[in-house]
């Protein structure tokens, strides 16, 4: 071999060795990504990441100190993109279980209980195909005994006894995670899945007795229909959390500081009857916080209890309410209770038959603002009639749905405004 060719070959071999050594050093220096947890109501899905070992093909994995209890039927091994087939797995105990004392009484169980793995056990997993470990792997599994609750601290400034100008709001969203397992997840990335149980309809009566159409000598027991299940909602918070074993963790997942908010007053026909007592009834004040990135939010907000403070977070809260599921984009709404400074009264003026058939009814809503600042009012009218109805006219613009009439208006300071509308009523078809 010529000297020039020998030098080129030697340099290429040295360069390849240096690159291989650099790759191995990088593989050993790579740290595993933090675990990803999706916590539901009574369970949690976990994805743990393990750094690459540099081996090209592996057929066996040993998982040291797996969490207890672990639902092994949900265990999966993933490479970078897809789950890897598992041939079998088995427990490798680090210590033999303690021998039973013969003097203790025997207890018989009709259903054999699954054996509890001993402490500090290892799980051996045999793969059906060789797995390249240059990019590492991850484990996904499901754990029981997990739960979460959300809490909100809301501070409102700018509300006075005479006006509600320049309202500002502070909001802190706190998430409490309950972990009843032996697993600990430092610096985990957290997401939620769940439903708002308060949205579940109240239980119906126990049932009714009805005649049997086949034979009149027996009756039929008609059980109430089961309510439709609530649809779970996903909250991809991706919040960092340090979750201890057999304990709980509190994480701040949302924060709003000195942002402008809106105040609206709700006039609902279900809360204000017609005719209304003299002087009217107070409307409910609603705090509206836009769920946008400009407000410091910009992601779906889970339901939870809300403590409302006026002016500063000192002492007991002004009142406690509840924040419902708030989508993104959307508006967080918090009921601040009734206020005497904005009132309403409803009247049924008259109901007359029509020559062509059907009836005609006239309605009036009187709104009074005693504040020295303008107020926003949302009027929701649900006609209380068994007949079918349709809107004929209204004194201000109105949005009509299948079950209600919606009026949105701004009432001037120390002003009174009356809304009138006319309905056409027809008998419903049987």
Protein backbone atom coordinates (compact mmCIF):
# COMPACT_ATOMS: atom_id res chain seq x y z
CA UNK A 1 0.00 0.00 0.00
CA UNK A 2 1.27 3.49 -0.87
CA UNK A 3 2.11 5.88 1.97
CA UNK A 4 -0.58 8.37 0.90
CA UNK A 5 -3.21 5.61 0.77
CA UNK A 6 -2.07 4.29 4.17
CA UNK A 7 -2.36 7.75 5.72
CA UNK A 8 -5.85 8.25 4.27
CA UNK A 9 -6.97 4.85 5.54
CA UNK A 10 -5.46 5.55 8.99
CA UNK A 11 -7.14 8.96 9.22
CA UNK A 12 -10.53 7.58 8.18
CA UNK A 13 -10.29 4.80 10.77
CA UNK A 14 -9.31 7.28 13.51
CA UNK A 15 -12.15 9.62 12.46
CA UNK A 16 -14.67 6.76 12.61
CA UNK A 17 -13.42 5.71 16.05
CA UNK A 18 -13.68 9.26 17.34
CA UNK A 19 -17.25 9.59 16.03
CA UNK A 20 -18.25 6.26 17.57
CA UNK A 21 -16.73 7.26 20.92
CA UNK A 22 -18.49 10.64 20.76
CA UNK A 23 -21.83 8.96 20.02
CA UNK A 24 -21.43 6.56 22.95
CA UNK A 25 -20.49 9.43 25.27
CA UNK A 26 -23.57 11.38 24.11
CA UNK A 27 -25.81 8.34 24.62
CA UNK A 28 -24.60 7.91 28.19
CA UNK A 29 -24.96 11.64 28.89
CA UNK A 30 -28.57 11.81 27.66
CA UNK A 31 -30.97 12.14 30.57
CA UNK A 32 -34.38 10.52 30.54
CA UNK A 33 -37.33 12.79 29.88
CA UNK A 34 -39.66 13.49 32.84
CA UNK A 35 -42.61 11.15 33.24
CA UNK A 36 -45.93 12.15 31.71
CA UNK A 37 -49.04 11.64 33.84
CA UNK A 38 -52.66 11.89 32.74
CA UNK A 39 -54.62 11.88 36.00
CA UNK A 40 -58.28 10.94 35.98
CA UNK A 41 -60.84 10.45 38.72
CA UNK A 42 -59.68 7.24 40.39
CA UNK A 43 -56.80 6.36 38.06
CA UNK A 44 -53.77 7.69 36.19
CA UNK A 45 -52.03 6.81 32.93
CA UNK A 46 -48.26 7.04 33.25
CA UNK A 47 -45.55 7.16 30.61
CA UNK A 48 -41.99 6.77 31.92
CA UNK A 49 -38.95 7.39 29.70
CA UNK A 50 -35.64 5.52 29.99
CA UNK A 51 -32.39 6.79 28.39
CA UNK A 52 -30.60 4.83 25.63
CA UNK A 53 -27.99 2.28 26.64
CA UNK A 54 -26.19 2.15 23.27
CA UNK A 55 -27.11 -1.50 22.63
CA UNK A 56 -28.30 -2.17 19.10
CA UNK A 57 -30.63 -5.07 19.89
CA UNK A 58 -32.07 -6.18 23.23
CA UNK A 59 -34.48 -9.03 23.94
CA UNK A 60 -34.95 -8.60 27.70
CA UNK A 61 -35.76 -5.73 30.05
CA UNK A 62 -35.67 -5.74 33.86
CA UNK A 63 -37.81 -3.09 35.56
CA UNK A 64 -36.58 -2.42 39.09
CA UNK A 65 -39.00 -1.21 41.78
CA UNK A 66 -42.19 -1.02 39.70
CA UNK A 67 -45.05 0.84 41.42
CA UNK A 68 -47.50 -1.09 43.57
CA UNK A 69 -50.33 -1.61 42.71
CA UNK A 70 -49.72 -1.86 38.96
CA UNK A 71 -52.30 -2.96 36.38
CA UNK A 72 -50.06 -5.26 34.36
CA UNK A 73 -52.67 -5.88 31.68
CA UNK A 74 -52.19 -2.25 30.60
CA UNK A 75 -48.37 -2.35 30.43
CA UNK A 76 -46.81 -1.47 27.08
CA UNK A 77 -43.23 -0.93 25.92
CA UNK A 78 -42.68 1.78 23.31
CA UNK A 79 -39.76 2.58 21.11
CA UNK A 80 -39.72 6.05 19.59
CA UNK A 81 -42.93 5.69 17.56
CA UNK A 82 -44.90 2.53 18.32
CA UNK A 83 -45.54 -0.10 21.01
CA UNK A 84 -43.23 -3.12 20.96
CA UNK A 85 -44.64 -6.69 21.21
CA UNK A 86 -44.11 -8.45 24.55
CA UNK A 87 -43.69 -12.22 24.70
CA UNK A 88 -44.01 -12.69 28.47
CA UNK A 89 -43.21 -11.11 31.82
CA UNK A 90 -42.58 -12.44 35.32
CA UNK A 91 -41.75 -11.15 38.79
CA UNK A 92 -38.19 -11.51 40.08
CA UNK A 93 -38.34 -11.16 43.85
CA UNK A 94 -35.28 -9.77 45.60
CA UNK A 95 -36.22 -11.53 48.84
CA UNK A 96 -38.31 -14.56 49.70
CA UNK A 97 -41.66 -13.84 51.37
CA UNK A 98 -41.89 -14.44 55.09
CA UNK A 99 -43.07 -17.91 56.07
CA UNK A 100 -46.53 -18.16 57.59
CA UNK A 101 -46.83 -18.92 61.28
CA UNK A 102 -48.63 -22.29 61.77
CA UNK A 103 -50.32 -21.10 65.00
CA UNK A 104 -52.30 -18.39 63.21
CA UNK A 105 -55.93 -19.22 62.30
CA UNK A 106 -56.65 -20.07 58.69
CA UNK A 107 -58.96 -17.85 56.65
CA UNK A 108 -60.74 -19.18 53.60
CA UNK A 109 -61.75 -16.92 50.69
CA UNK A 110 -64.22 -18.20 48.07
CA UNK A 111 -62.39 -16.24 45.35
CA UNK A 112 -58.59 -16.57 45.42
CA UNK A 113 -56.88 -13.23 45.77
CA UNK A 114 -54.04 -12.41 43.35
CA UNK A 115 -50.63 -12.70 44.96
CA UNK A 116 -49.14 -9.41 46.09
CA UNK A 117 -45.61 -8.92 44.73
CA UNK A 118 -43.00 -8.63 47.48
CA UNK A 119 -41.35 -5.34 48.27
CA UNK A 120 -38.46 -4.19 46.06
CA UNK A 121 -39.44 -6.71 43.37
CA UNK A 122 -38.20 -6.65 39.81
CA UNK A 123 -40.26 -7.25 36.71
CA UNK A 124 -38.58 -9.16 33.89
CA UNK A 125 -40.03 -8.47 30.44
CA UNK A 126 -39.13 -10.70 27.50
CA UNK A 127 -39.64 -9.11 24.09
CA UNK A 128 -41.07 -10.92 21.08
CA UNK A 129 -38.68 -9.09 18.73
CA UNK A 130 -35.23 -7.52 19.24
CA UNK A 131 -35.50 -3.82 20.16
CA UNK A 132 -32.85 -1.30 19.18
CA UNK A 133 -31.95 0.74 22.23
CA UNK A 134 -30.02 3.54 20.58
CA UNK A 135 -32.93 5.92 21.20
CA UNK A 136 -34.11 4.51 24.53
CA UNK A 137 -37.59 3.26 25.35
CA UNK A 138 -40.63 4.18 27.42
CA UNK A 139 -43.22 2.30 29.51
CA UNK A 140 -46.91 3.14 29.64
CA UNK A 141 -49.22 1.72 32.28
CA UNK A 142 -52.26 2.50 34.36
CA UNK A 143 -52.32 3.00 38.12
CA UNK A 144 -55.34 3.07 40.46
CA UNK A 145 -55.75 5.28 43.56
CA UNK A 146 -55.16 8.61 41.80
CA UNK A 147 -57.48 11.62 41.90
CA UNK A 148 -57.48 15.39 41.50
CA UNK A 149 -59.35 18.49 42.61
CA UNK A 150 -59.10 22.05 41.34
CA UNK A 151 -59.45 25.20 43.45
CA UNK A 152 -59.58 28.85 42.42
CA UNK A 153 -58.79 31.99 44.43
CA UNK A 154 -60.33 35.04 42.77
CA UNK A 155 -59.76 38.62 43.95
CA UNK A 156 -61.88 41.40 42.45
CA UNK A 157 -61.01 45.09 42.75
CA UNK A 158 -62.98 48.11 41.61
CA UNK A 159 -66.44 47.15 42.90
CA UNK A 160 -67.88 49.83 45.16
CA UNK A 161 -71.29 50.43 46.72
CA UNK A 162 -72.11 53.10 44.13
CA UNK A 163 -70.30 51.98 40.96
CA UNK A 164 -68.46 49.10 39.27
CA UNK A 165 -66.04 51.03 37.06
CA UNK A 166 -62.52 49.76 36.19
CA UNK A 167 -62.91 46.23 37.56
CA UNK A 168 -59.65 44.28 37.87
CA UNK A 169 -59.20 40.63 38.79
CA UNK A 170 -56.49 38.35 40.19
CA UNK A 171 -56.89 34.62 39.76
CA UNK A 172 -54.86 31.68 41.05
CA UNK A 173 -55.69 28.14 39.95
CA UNK A 174 -54.45 25.43 42.32
CA UNK A 175 -54.49 21.73 41.50
CA UNK A 176 -54.37 19.09 44.22
CA UNK A 177 -53.21 15.61 43.16
CA UNK A 178 -53.90 12.60 45.39
CA UNK A 179 -51.55 9.62 44.99
CA UNK A 180 -52.33 6.43 46.92
CA UNK A 181 -49.63 4.28 45.32
CA UNK A 182 -45.96 3.65 46.11
CA UNK A 183 -44.80 5.46 42.96
CA UNK A 184 -43.05 8.83 43.14
CA UNK A 185 -42.75 11.09 40.09
CA UNK A 186 -40.38 14.07 40.42
CA UNK A 187 -40.69 16.80 37.78
CA UNK A 188 -43.60 15.06 36.07
CA UNK A 189 -45.61 16.63 33.24
CA UNK A 190 -49.24 16.66 34.31
CA UNK A 191 -52.53 16.55 32.39
CA UNK A 192 -56.09 15.89 33.58
CA UNK A 193 -59.16 14.00 32.45
CA UNK A 194 -62.49 14.21 34.24
CA UNK A 195 -66.07 15.38 34.49
CA UNK A 196 -67.94 17.84 36.69
CA UNK A 197 -70.10 15.70 38.95
CA UNK A 198 -72.30 18.68 39.86
CA UNK A 199 -73.58 18.70 36.26
CA UNK A 200 -75.09 15.26 36.78
CA UNK A 201 -78.93 15.58 36.91
CA UNK A 202 -80.60 14.82 40.24
CA UNK A 203 -81.92 11.29 40.69
CA UNK A 204 -85.45 10.66 39.51
CA UNK A 205 -88.22 9.16 41.70
CA UNK A 206 -87.94 5.50 42.61
CA UNK A 207 -90.39 4.36 39.92
CA UNK A 208 -94.06 4.05 38.92
CA UNK A 209 -96.67 1.30 38.82
CA UNK A 210 -98.55 0.82 35.58
CA UNK A 211 -101.14 -1.63 34.28
CA UNK A 212 -99.93 -4.63 32.34
CA UNK A 213 -101.53 -4.50 28.85
CA UNK A 214 -101.27 -8.30 28.50
CA UNK A 215 -103.15 -9.19 31.66
CA UNK A 216 -105.00 -6.88 34.03
CA UNK A 217 -104.21 -9.14 37.00
CA UNK A 218 -100.62 -7.94 37.24
CA UNK A 219 -98.92 -4.59 37.34
CA UNK A 220 -95.73 -3.36 35.72
CA UNK A 221 -92.98 -1.69 37.66
CA UNK A 222 -91.56 1.11 35.52
CA UNK A 223 -88.09 1.96 36.75
CA UNK A 224 -86.81 5.46 35.89
CA UNK A 225 -84.47 5.68 32.94
CA UNK A 226 -80.81 5.85 33.81
CA UNK A 227 -79.26 9.29 33.20
CA UNK A 228 -76.89 9.69 30.33
CA UNK A 229 -73.25 9.38 31.37
CA UNK A 230 -71.18 12.52 31.48
CA UNK A 231 -68.56 12.86 28.75
CA UNK A 232 -65.04 13.24 30.17
CA UNK A 233 -63.04 16.28 29.14
CA UNK A 234 -59.26 16.36 28.63
CA UNK A 235 -57.18 19.19 30.10
CA UNK A 236 -53.67 19.14 28.52
CA UNK A 237 -52.08 21.39 31.13
CA UNK A 238 -48.52 19.99 30.84
CA UNK A 239 -47.82 21.49 34.27
CA UNK A 240 -44.67 20.47 36.12
CA UNK A 241 -45.32 18.65 39.40
CA UNK A 242 -43.41 16.69 42.04
CA UNK A 243 -45.83 13.95 43.10
CA UNK A 244 -44.81 12.07 46.28
CA UNK A 245 -45.71 8.47 47.07
CA UNK A 246 -48.73 7.91 49.33
CA UNK A 247 -49.43 11.62 49.56
CA UNK A 248 -50.68 14.67 47.76
CA UNK A 249 -49.18 17.56 45.85
CA UNK A 250 -50.45 21.08 45.22
CA UNK A 251 -49.55 22.75 41.93
CA UNK A 252 -50.33 26.24 40.69
CA UNK A 253 -51.52 25.76 37.11
CA UNK A 254 -53.11 29.14 36.29
CA UNK A 255 -52.44 32.74 37.22
CA UNK A 256 -54.01 36.10 36.33
CA UNK A 257 -52.60 39.30 37.80
CA UNK A 258 -54.32 42.71 37.64
CA UNK A 259 -56.22 42.08 34.41
CA UNK A 260 -59.43 43.89 33.43
CA UNK A 261 -62.62 41.87 33.83
CA UNK A 262 -66.27 42.36 33.02
CA UNK A 263 -69.30 42.39 35.28
CA UNK A 264 -72.72 41.37 34.00
CA UNK A 265 -76.11 41.03 35.68
CA UNK A 266 -78.37 38.11 34.87
CA UNK A 267 -82.16 38.35 34.78
CA UNK A 268 -83.52 34.80 34.47
CA UNK A 269 -87.27 34.24 34.27
CA UNK A 270 -86.92 31.04 36.33
CA UNK A 271 -85.68 33.14 39.30
CA UNK A 272 -87.92 36.20 38.84
CA UNK A 273 -91.61 35.19 38.64
CA UNK A 274 -94.39 37.09 36.91
CA UNK A 275 -96.02 39.01 38.47
CA UNK A 276 -93.08 40.19 40.59
CA UNK A 277 -93.56 41.68 44.08
CA UNK A 278 -93.52 45.46 44.39
CA UNK A 279 -90.04 46.92 44.04
CA UNK A 280 -88.75 44.04 41.94
CA UNK A 281 -86.17 41.41 42.80
CA UNK A 282 -82.36 41.73 42.76
CA UNK A 283 -80.40 40.39 39.81
CA UNK A 284 -77.41 38.09 40.14
CA UNK A 285 -73.99 39.57 39.45
CA UNK A 286 -71.73 37.48 37.20
CA UNK A 287 -67.95 37.89 36.90
CA UNK A 288 -66.71 37.26 33.34
CA UNK A 289 -63.00 36.46 32.76
CA UNK A 290 -61.99 35.81 29.12
CA UNK A 291 -60.02 32.58 28.73
CA UNK A 292 -57.36 34.01 26.42
CA UNK A 293 -53.53 34.13 26.39
CA UNK A 294 -53.70 37.91 26.89
CA UNK A 295 -55.32 37.28 30.28
CA UNK A 296 -52.58 34.80 31.28
CA UNK A 297 -54.75 31.75 30.53
CA UNK A 298 -55.38 30.29 27.07
CA UNK A 299 -56.12 26.61 27.85
CA UNK A 300 -59.17 24.62 29.04
CA UNK A 301 -59.86 25.16 32.75
CA UNK A 302 -61.07 22.25 34.91
CA UNK A 303 -64.09 22.62 37.20
CA UNK A 304 -63.55 23.32 40.86
CA UNK A 305 -64.45 25.32 43.94
CA UNK A 306 -63.81 29.08 43.84
CA UNK A 307 -63.26 31.44 46.79
CA UNK A 308 -64.07 35.05 45.99
CA UNK A 309 -62.33 37.95 47.75
CA UNK A 310 -63.11 41.65 47.37
CA UNK A 311 -60.23 44.10 47.52
CA UNK A 312 -57.50 41.83 48.93
CA UNK A 313 -56.89 38.22 49.93
CA UNK A 314 -57.30 38.78 53.66
CA UNK A 315 -59.58 37.05 56.12
CA UNK A 316 -62.48 34.88 55.10
CA UNK A 317 -63.64 34.94 51.47
CA UNK A 318 -66.55 37.15 50.52
CA UNK A 319 -68.33 34.06 49.22
CA UNK A 320 -67.61 30.66 47.73
CA UNK A 321 -68.87 29.43 44.39
CA UNK A 322 -67.89 27.04 41.66
CA UNK A 323 -66.15 27.35 38.32
CA UNK A 324 -67.54 25.02 35.69
CA UNK A 325 -65.62 23.56 32.78
CA UNK A 326 -64.33 26.49 30.73
CA UNK A 327 -63.25 25.67 27.17
CA UNK A 328 -60.63 27.57 25.17
CA UNK A 329 -61.55 29.94 23.71
CA UNK A 330 -64.31 30.70 26.19
CA UNK A 331 -65.26 32.76 29.22
CA UNK A 332 -64.87 31.82 32.87
CA UNK A 333 -68.08 32.72 34.72
CA UNK A 334 -68.36 33.09 38.49
CA UNK A 335 -71.65 33.84 40.24
CA UNK A 336 -71.13 36.66 42.76
CA UNK A 337 -74.61 36.47 44.25
CA UNK A 338 -77.58 38.87 44.15
CA UNK A 339 -77.17 42.66 44.31
CA UNK A 340 -79.88 45.10 45.46
CA UNK A 341 -78.63 47.94 43.27
CA UNK A 342 -79.80 46.32 40.01
CA UNK A 343 -83.36 44.97 40.10
CA UNK A 344 -86.01 43.63 37.73
CA UNK A 345 -89.73 42.89 37.63
CA UNK A 346 -91.78 40.90 35.11
CA UNK A 347 -95.44 41.24 34.10
CA UNK A 348 -97.89 39.43 31.85
CA UNK A 349 -99.85 42.31 30.31
CA UNK A 350 -102.64 40.41 28.53
CA UNK A 351 -103.47 37.23 26.66
CA UNK A 352 -106.15 37.40 23.93
CA UNK A 353 -107.49 34.87 21.40
CA UNK A 354 -106.86 35.47 17.70
CA UNK A 355 -109.56 35.28 14.99
CA UNK A 356 -107.47 32.90 12.87
CA UNK A 357 -106.89 30.60 15.84
CA UNK A 358 -104.40 30.55 18.65
CA UNK A 359 -103.65 33.23 21.21
CA UNK A 360 -101.52 36.32 21.62
CA UNK A 361 -99.71 37.33 24.83
CA UNK A 362 -97.98 40.59 25.79
CA UNK A 363 -95.07 40.57 28.27
CA UNK A 364 -93.01 43.32 29.94
CA UNK A 365 -89.70 43.32 31.85
CA UNK A 366 -88.70 46.42 33.84
CA UNK A 367 -85.01 46.87 34.71
CA UNK A 368 -83.76 49.44 37.24
CA UNK A 369 -80.13 50.51 37.78
CA UNK A 370 -79.45 52.38 41.04
CA UNK A 371 -75.67 52.62 40.44
CA UNK A 372 -73.78 55.68 39.21
CA UNK A 373 -72.10 53.59 36.49
CA UNK A 374 -73.62 51.74 33.50
CA UNK A 375 -74.26 48.02 33.86
CA UNK A 376 -74.46 45.10 31.45
CA UNK A 377 -77.61 42.97 31.73
CA UNK A 378 -78.36 39.54 30.26
CA UNK A 379 -82.08 38.74 30.12
CA UNK A 380 -83.09 35.10 29.62
CA UNK A 381 -86.84 34.63 29.08
CA UNK A 382 -88.25 31.11 29.09
CA UNK A 383 -91.99 31.36 28.29
CA UNK A 384 -93.98 29.54 30.96
CA UNK A 385 -96.68 28.02 28.80
CA UNK A 386 -97.57 24.50 27.69
CA UNK A 387 -98.47 25.85 24.25
CA UNK A 388 -96.15 26.24 21.35
CA UNK A 389 -94.87 29.79 21.01
CA UNK A 390 -93.16 32.06 18.49
CA UNK A 391 -91.91 35.64 18.80
CA UNK A 392 -93.97 38.27 16.97
CA UNK A 393 -92.09 41.42 17.97
CA UNK A 394 -89.85 42.87 20.70
CA UNK A 395 -88.93 46.42 21.67
CA UNK A 396 -85.16 45.71 21.48
CA UNK A 397 -83.17 43.19 19.42
CA UNK A 398 -83.60 39.62 20.62
CA UNK A 399 -81.86 36.30 19.96
CA UNK A 400 -84.35 33.42 19.82
CA UNK A 401 -83.49 29.80 20.67
CA UNK A 402 -85.75 26.76 20.84
CA UNK A 403 -86.49 27.33 24.56
CA UNK A 404 -85.71 30.97 25.41
CA UNK A 405 -85.49 34.61 24.35
CA UNK A 406 -82.14 36.31 24.99
CA UNK A 407 -81.77 40.08 25.41
CA UNK A 408 -78.37 41.73 25.97
CA UNK A 409 -78.29 45.44 26.78
CA UNK A 410 -76.43 48.21 28.61
CA UNK A 411 -78.44 50.16 31.18
CA UNK A 412 -77.37 53.77 31.85
CA UNK A 413 -76.61 55.05 35.38
CA UNK A 414 -79.68 55.69 37.55
CA UNK A 415 -81.93 54.61 34.67
CA UNK A 416 -84.99 52.46 34.14
CA UNK A 417 -85.81 50.56 30.96
CA UNK A 418 -88.79 48.40 30.05
CA UNK A 419 -88.56 45.59 27.51
CA UNK A 420 -91.79 44.44 25.89
CA UNK A 421 -92.34 41.50 23.59
CA UNK A 422 -95.32 39.71 22.01
CA UNK A 423 -95.74 35.95 21.57
CA UNK A 424 -98.09 33.96 19.37
CA UNK A 425 -99.32 30.80 21.12
CA UNK A 426 -100.74 27.69 19.45
CA UNK A 427 -101.87 24.36 20.85
CA UNK A 428 -99.21 21.68 20.64
CA UNK A 429 -99.93 18.63 18.59
CA UNK A 430 -100.46 15.46 20.65
